[in-house]
Amino acid sequence: MLVPAVFFWQIALVVHVVFVVAAFGLVLAYPFVVMAVERYDPRALPVILRSRQLLGRSLVNPGLLIVVVAGIYLATKEHQWQHFYVQWGLGAALVIGGLEGAFVMRQSGKLADMAERELAGASGGEFSWSAEFMRARGRADQVNMLLAVIVVVTIFLMVVQ
């Protein structure tokens, strides 16, 4: 009897892991990217904010869908539905997708608009962001850090099951 070299569930697992890395790598790296950009060239912040908005639409949310579909297949194939890590993973996916769609992408666009206006009105000397921008940015930073924490906790739970 021939035994396949690779089983479909293994391909599903690879797809699951690849899209976790692709979609959620951005979520983990983004707070650090923003800090680096602000340190080296704060005037580039609107580009980073617009990029975050675009990548949320084109990478994070579609990648999240692929992660969930592959995860559902794996949980079903391996009869894992009763385990906490599977239920946590589904809950985390709902929270990440909801926050990404309802807050992060929208807020990134609004912050980019605000930053562009403030930079356009800046004179040649030292530049600093307005208090309004910093409050909005603080809220966005908190949500982005929460997303990063959810991703790390979810990966931990998936690994240690």
Protein backbone atom coordinates (compact mmCIF):
# COMPACT_ATOMS: atom_id res chain seq x y z
CA MET A 1 0.00 0.00 0.00
CA LEU A 2 1.29 3.44 -0.93
CA VAL A 3 1.43 6.04 1.77
CA PRO A 4 1.39 9.67 0.64
CA ALA A 5 4.54 11.64 1.40
CA VAL A 6 2.45 14.63 2.46
CA PHE A 7 -1.08 14.60 3.83
CA PHE A 8 -3.65 17.30 3.19
CA TRP A 9 -3.83 18.19 6.89
CA GLN A 10 -0.08 18.95 6.78
CA ILE A 11 -0.62 21.34 3.87
CA ALA A 12 -3.46 22.98 5.82
CA LEU A 13 -1.12 23.35 8.82
CA VAL A 14 1.56 24.97 6.63
CA VAL A 15 -1.02 27.39 5.18
CA HIS A 16 -2.24 28.17 8.71
CA VAL A 17 1.28 28.92 9.98
CA VAL A 18 2.37 30.89 6.89
CA PHE A 19 -0.63 33.19 7.12
CA VAL A 20 -0.19 33.62 10.88
CA VAL A 21 3.34 34.83 10.15
CA ALA A 22 2.31 37.00 7.18
CA ALA A 23 -0.79 38.62 8.65
CA PHE A 24 0.16 38.83 12.29
CA GLY A 25 3.84 39.58 11.80
CA LEU A 26 2.66 43.01 10.71
CA VAL A 27 0.51 43.36 13.83
CA LEU A 28 3.51 42.48 16.01
CA ALA A 29 6.01 44.68 14.15
CA TYR A 30 3.84 47.75 13.58
CA PRO A 31 4.29 49.43 17.00
CA PHE A 32 8.08 49.13 16.61
CA VAL A 33 7.99 50.43 13.04
CA VAL A 34 6.09 53.51 14.19
CA MET A 35 8.62 54.15 16.98
CA ALA A 36 11.52 53.84 14.53
CA VAL A 37 9.92 56.14 11.96
CA GLU A 38 9.18 58.76 14.59
CA ARG A 39 12.75 58.59 15.82
CA TYR A 40 14.37 58.93 12.40
CA ASP A 41 11.86 60.92 10.34
CA PRO A 42 8.52 61.90 11.90
CA ARG A 43 7.49 63.45 8.58
CA ALA A 44 7.26 59.93 7.15
CA LEU A 45 4.56 58.97 9.66
CA PRO A 46 1.62 59.65 7.28
CA VAL A 47 3.08 57.12 4.82
CA ILE A 48 3.41 54.51 7.57
CA LEU A 49 -0.16 55.17 8.72
CA ARG A 50 -1.52 54.85 5.17
CA SER A 51 0.54 51.69 4.69
CA ARG A 52 -0.96 50.22 7.87
CA GLN A 53 -4.44 50.98 6.57
CA LEU A 54 -3.72 49.37 3.19
CA LEU A 55 -2.02 46.32 4.71
CA GLY A 56 -4.94 45.84 7.09
CA ARG A 57 -7.26 45.60 4.11
CA SER A 58 -5.00 43.58 1.85
CA LEU A 59 -3.03 41.37 4.26
CA VAL A 60 -4.26 41.25 7.87
CA ASN A 61 -7.98 40.69 7.32
CA PRO A 62 -7.67 38.33 4.30
CA GLY A 63 -4.86 36.49 6.11
CA LEU A 64 -7.04 36.22 9.19
CA LEU A 65 -9.76 34.59 7.10
CA ILE A 66 -7.29 32.02 5.75
CA VAL A 67 -5.95 31.34 9.25
CA VAL A 68 -9.49 30.75 10.55
CA VAL A 69 -10.52 28.50 7.66
CA ALA A 70 -7.35 26.40 7.95
CA GLY A 71 -7.73 26.33 11.75
CA ILE A 72 -11.33 25.13 11.49
CA TYR A 73 -10.27 22.37 9.14
CA LEU A 74 -7.43 21.31 11.46
CA ALA A 75 -9.58 21.41 14.61
CA THR A 76 -12.22 19.31 12.87
CA LYS A 77 -9.76 16.84 11.34
CA GLU A 78 -7.91 16.35 14.62
CA HIS A 79 -11.06 16.43 16.83
CA GLN A 80 -9.74 19.35 18.89
CA TRP A 81 -12.90 21.43 19.35
CA GLN A 82 -13.20 20.71 23.06
CA HIS A 83 -9.76 22.19 23.82
CA PHE A 84 -9.38 25.69 25.21
CA TYR A 85 -6.69 26.72 22.71
CA VAL A 86 -9.09 26.19 19.79
CA GLN A 87 -11.85 28.21 21.43
CA TRP A 88 -9.35 30.93 22.39
CA GLY A 89 -8.08 31.00 18.80
CA LEU A 90 -11.58 31.56 17.41
CA GLY A 91 -12.28 34.24 19.99
CA ALA A 92 -8.94 35.92 19.26
CA ALA A 93 -9.73 35.86 15.54
CA LEU A 94 -13.07 37.56 16.15
CA VAL A 95 -11.48 40.24 18.34
CA ILE A 96 -8.58 40.85 15.95
CA GLY A 97 -10.87 41.00 12.91
CA GLY A 98 -13.32 43.28 14.69
CA LEU A 99 -10.70 45.69 16.01
CA GLU A 100 -8.80 45.66 12.73
CA GLY A 101 -11.87 46.43 10.64
CA ALA A 102 -13.78 48.71 12.99
CA PHE A 103 -10.90 50.66 14.51
CA VAL A 104 -7.33 50.16 13.27
CA MET A 105 -7.84 50.70 9.54
CA ARG A 106 -10.19 53.65 10.04
CA GLN A 107 -8.05 55.25 12.73
CA SER A 108 -4.91 54.81 10.62
CA GLY A 109 -6.55 56.75 7.79
CA LYS A 110 -7.79 59.48 10.13
CA LEU A 111 -4.39 59.80 11.79
CA ALA A 112 -2.69 59.99 8.39
CA ASP A 113 -5.05 62.82 7.40
CA MET A 114 -4.38 64.65 10.66
CA ALA A 115 -0.62 64.18 10.34
CA GLU A 116 -0.61 65.44 6.76
CA ARG A 117 -2.56 68.57 7.77
CA GLU A 118 -0.25 69.24 10.70
CA LEU A 119 2.88 68.73 8.62
CA ALA A 120 1.53 70.99 5.86
CA GLY A 121 0.95 73.76 8.39
CA ALA A 122 4.34 73.37 10.06
CA SER A 123 6.93 76.09 9.78
CA GLY A 124 10.64 75.46 9.29
CA GLY A 125 11.70 75.07 12.95
CA GLU A 126 11.16 72.31 15.48
CA PHE A 127 8.01 70.33 14.82
CA SER A 128 5.74 68.68 17.36
CA TRP A 129 2.39 66.99 17.00
CA SER A 130 -0.73 68.65 18.39
CA ALA A 131 -2.32 67.43 21.61
CA GLU A 132 -5.36 66.27 19.61
CA PHE A 133 -3.16 64.16 17.32
CA MET A 134 -1.27 62.69 20.27
CA ARG A 135 -4.51 61.72 22.06
CA ALA A 136 -5.85 59.99 18.94
CA ARG A 137 -2.47 58.38 18.34
CA GLY A 138 -2.36 57.18 21.97
CA ARG A 139 -5.71 55.42 21.56
CA ALA A 140 -4.52 53.83 18.31
CA ASP A 141 -1.24 52.76 19.93
CA GLN A 142 -3.13 51.11 22.80
CA VAL A 143 -5.31 49.12 20.40
CA ASN A 144 -2.29 48.11 18.30
CA MET A 145 -0.47 46.93 21.43
CA LEU A 146 -3.57 45.02 22.55
CA LEU A 147 -3.65 43.28 19.16
CA ALA A 148 0.03 42.39 19.50
CA VAL A 149 -0.57 40.93 22.97
CA ILE A 150 -3.53 38.89 21.69
CA VAL A 151 -1.37 37.51 18.88
CA VAL A 152 1.46 36.55 21.26
CA VAL A 153 -0.89 34.92 23.79
CA THR A 154 -2.65 33.03 20.99
CA ILE A 155 0.61 31.73 19.56
CA PHE A 156 1.68 30.68 23.05
CA LEU A 157 -1.57 28.79 23.62
CA MET A 158 -1.36 27.11 20.21
CA VAL A 159 2.20 25.97 20.84
CA VAL A 160 1.75 24.67 24.39
CA GLN A 161 -1.82 23.37 23.88
